[in-house]
Amino acid sequence: MKILKWFLFVIFSILSIISLVVVYLMYTNLSFIDYPYVISAIISALVAVMTYKYKLK
């Protein structure tokens, strides 16, 4: 179970970082924010924090 917890944490953290990079690139190159990527980054970050804080029994 501990491996699954860290696997999910890493996957959701990477998804959050990729989404934020896409938002940054879209804003710097085209001067607008693509909101589905912002929402995806926020949700992925929240799920990553929840999996990190989850206590195994």
N, C-alpha and C. Protein backbone atom coordinates (compact mmCIF):
# COMPACT_ATOMS: atom_id res chain seq x y z
N MET A 1 0.81 -1.20 0.00
CA MET A 1 0.00 0.00 0.00
C MET A 1 0.85 1.26 0.00
N LYS A 2 2.01 1.19 0.65
CA LYS A 2 2.87 2.37 0.73
C LYS A 2 3.38 2.76 -0.66
N ILE A 3 3.67 1.74 -1.49
CA ILE A 3 4.14 2.01 -2.85
C ILE A 3 3.03 2.67 -3.66
N LEU A 4 1.80 2.21 -3.50
CA LEU A 4 0.66 2.79 -4.22
C LEU A 4 0.45 4.25 -3.81
N LYS A 5 0.60 4.53 -2.52
CA LYS A 5 0.45 5.91 -2.04
C LYS A 5 1.47 6.82 -2.70
N TRP A 6 2.73 6.42 -2.73
CA TRP A 6 3.77 7.27 -3.32
C TRP A 6 3.63 7.34 -4.84
N PHE A 7 3.19 6.24 -5.46
CA PHE A 7 2.97 6.25 -6.91
C PHE A 7 1.89 7.26 -7.28
N LEU A 8 0.76 7.24 -6.55
CA LEU A 8 -0.32 8.20 -6.82
C LEU A 8 0.13 9.63 -6.55
N PHE A 9 0.89 9.82 -5.47
CA PHE A 9 1.40 11.16 -5.16
C PHE A 9 2.28 11.69 -6.29
N VAL A 10 3.18 10.86 -6.79
CA VAL A 10 4.09 11.29 -7.86
C VAL A 10 3.32 11.56 -9.15
N ILE A 11 2.38 10.70 -9.49
CA ILE A 11 1.60 10.87 -10.73
C ILE A 11 0.80 12.17 -10.68
N PHE A 12 0.10 12.43 -9.58
CA PHE A 12 -0.71 13.64 -9.50
C PHE A 12 0.16 14.89 -9.40
N SER A 13 1.31 14.79 -8.79
CA SER A 13 2.23 15.93 -8.75
C SER A 13 2.75 16.26 -10.15
N ILE A 14 3.11 15.25 -10.90
CA ILE A 14 3.59 15.46 -12.27
C ILE A 14 2.48 16.05 -13.14
N LEU A 15 1.25 15.54 -12.99
CA LEU A 15 0.13 16.10 -13.75
C LEU A 15 -0.09 17.57 -13.42
N SER A 16 0.02 17.91 -12.17
CA SER A 16 -0.15 19.30 -11.76
C SER A 16 0.94 20.18 -12.35
N ILE A 17 2.17 19.73 -12.30
CA ILE A 17 3.28 20.51 -12.85
C ILE A 17 3.14 20.68 -14.36
N ILE A 18 2.77 19.62 -15.06
CA ILE A 18 2.59 19.71 -16.51
C ILE A 18 1.47 20.68 -16.86
N SER A 19 0.38 20.64 -16.12
CA SER A 19 -0.73 21.56 -16.38
C SER A 19 -0.31 23.01 -16.14
N LEU A 20 0.46 23.24 -15.09
CA LEU A 20 0.92 24.61 -14.82
C LEU A 20 1.91 25.08 -15.89
N VAL A 21 2.73 24.20 -16.41
CA VAL A 21 3.65 24.57 -17.48
C VAL A 21 2.88 24.94 -18.74
N VAL A 22 1.83 24.18 -19.05
CA VAL A 22 1.00 24.50 -20.22
C VAL A 22 0.34 25.86 -20.04
N VAL A 23 -0.17 26.13 -18.85
CA VAL A 23 -0.79 27.44 -18.59
C VAL A 23 0.23 28.55 -18.76
N TYR A 24 1.43 28.36 -18.23
CA TYR A 24 2.48 29.38 -18.36
C TYR A 24 2.84 29.61 -19.83
N LEU A 25 3.00 28.54 -20.58
CA LEU A 25 3.37 28.69 -21.99
C LEU A 25 2.26 29.36 -22.79
N MET A 26 1.01 29.00 -22.52
CA MET A 26 -0.11 29.63 -23.23
C MET A 26 -0.19 31.13 -22.90
N TYR A 27 0.04 31.47 -21.63
CA TYR A 27 -0.07 32.87 -21.23
C TYR A 27 1.07 33.70 -21.80
N THR A 28 2.29 33.16 -21.79
CA THR A 28 3.42 33.95 -22.27
C THR A 28 3.43 34.07 -23.79
N ASN A 29 2.96 33.07 -24.49
CA ASN A 29 3.00 33.10 -25.95
C ASN A 29 1.75 33.70 -26.58
N LEU A 30 0.59 33.46 -25.97
CA LEU A 30 -0.65 33.89 -26.60
C LEU A 30 -1.45 34.89 -25.76
N SER A 31 -0.99 35.21 -24.57
CA SER A 31 -1.60 36.21 -23.67
C SER A 31 -3.03 35.86 -23.25
N PHE A 32 -3.32 34.59 -23.09
CA PHE A 32 -4.58 34.20 -22.45
C PHE A 32 -4.35 32.92 -21.65
N ILE A 33 -5.23 32.71 -20.69
CA ILE A 33 -5.13 31.55 -19.82
C ILE A 33 -6.15 30.52 -20.25
N ASP A 34 -5.71 29.30 -20.40
CA ASP A 34 -6.60 28.19 -20.75
C ASP A 34 -7.12 27.58 -19.45
N TYR A 35 -8.35 27.91 -19.09
CA TYR A 35 -8.88 27.57 -17.78
C TYR A 35 -9.02 26.07 -17.49
N PRO A 36 -9.30 25.21 -18.46
CA PRO A 36 -9.33 23.78 -18.12
C PRO A 36 -8.00 23.26 -17.58
N TYR A 37 -6.90 23.81 -18.05
CA TYR A 37 -5.60 23.40 -17.51
C TYR A 37 -5.38 23.94 -16.10
N VAL A 38 -5.90 25.12 -15.80
CA VAL A 38 -5.80 25.67 -14.45
C VAL A 38 -6.61 24.80 -13.49
N ILE A 39 -7.81 24.44 -13.88
CA ILE A 39 -8.65 23.59 -13.05
C ILE A 39 -8.00 22.23 -12.86
N SER A 40 -7.44 21.68 -13.92
CA SER A 40 -6.75 20.39 -13.84
C SER A 40 -5.56 20.47 -12.88
N ALA A 41 -4.81 21.56 -12.92
CA ALA A 41 -3.66 21.72 -12.03
C ALA A 41 -4.10 21.81 -10.57
N ILE A 42 -5.16 22.54 -10.31
CA ILE A 42 -5.65 22.69 -8.94
C ILE A 42 -6.16 21.36 -8.40
N ILE A 43 -6.94 20.66 -9.19
CA ILE A 43 -7.48 19.37 -8.75
C ILE A 43 -6.37 18.36 -8.55
N SER A 44 -5.41 18.31 -9.46
CA SER A 44 -4.29 17.38 -9.32
C SER A 44 -3.45 17.69 -8.09
N ALA A 45 -3.24 18.96 -7.82
CA ALA A 45 -2.47 19.34 -6.63
C ALA A 45 -3.23 18.96 -5.36
N LEU A 46 -4.53 19.17 -5.33
CA LEU A 46 -5.31 18.80 -4.16
C LEU A 46 -5.30 17.29 -3.92
N VAL A 47 -5.44 16.52 -4.99
CA VAL A 47 -5.41 15.06 -4.85
C VAL A 47 -4.02 14.59 -4.42
N ALA A 48 -2.98 15.23 -4.92
CA ALA A 48 -1.62 14.88 -4.51
C ALA A 48 -1.41 15.16 -3.02
N VAL A 49 -1.92 16.28 -2.54
CA VAL A 49 -1.80 16.60 -1.11
C VAL A 49 -2.61 15.63 -0.27
N MET A 50 -3.80 15.27 -0.74
CA MET A 50 -4.63 14.32 -0.01
C MET A 50 -3.96 12.94 0.07
N THR A 51 -3.34 12.50 -1.02
CA THR A 51 -2.66 11.20 -0.96
C THR A 51 -1.42 11.26 -0.10
N TYR A 52 -0.75 12.41 -0.06
CA TYR A 52 0.42 12.55 0.81
C TYR A 52 0.03 12.53 2.28
N LYS A 53 -1.08 13.16 2.61
CA LYS A 53 -1.53 13.25 4.00
C LYS A 53 -2.25 11.99 4.49
N TYR A 54 -2.62 11.09 3.57
CA TYR A 54 -3.37 9.89 3.93
C TYR A 54 -2.55 8.98 4.84
N LYS A 55 -3.13 8.61 5.96
CA LYS A 55 -2.44 7.75 6.93
C LYS A 55 -2.77 6.28 6.64
N LEU A 56 -1.73 5.48 6.49
CA LEU A 56 -1.92 4.05 6.31
C LEU A 56 -2.06 3.37 7.66
N LYS A 57 -2.88 2.36 7.69
CA LYS A 57 -3.10 1.64 8.96
C LYS A 57 -2.23 0.42 9.07
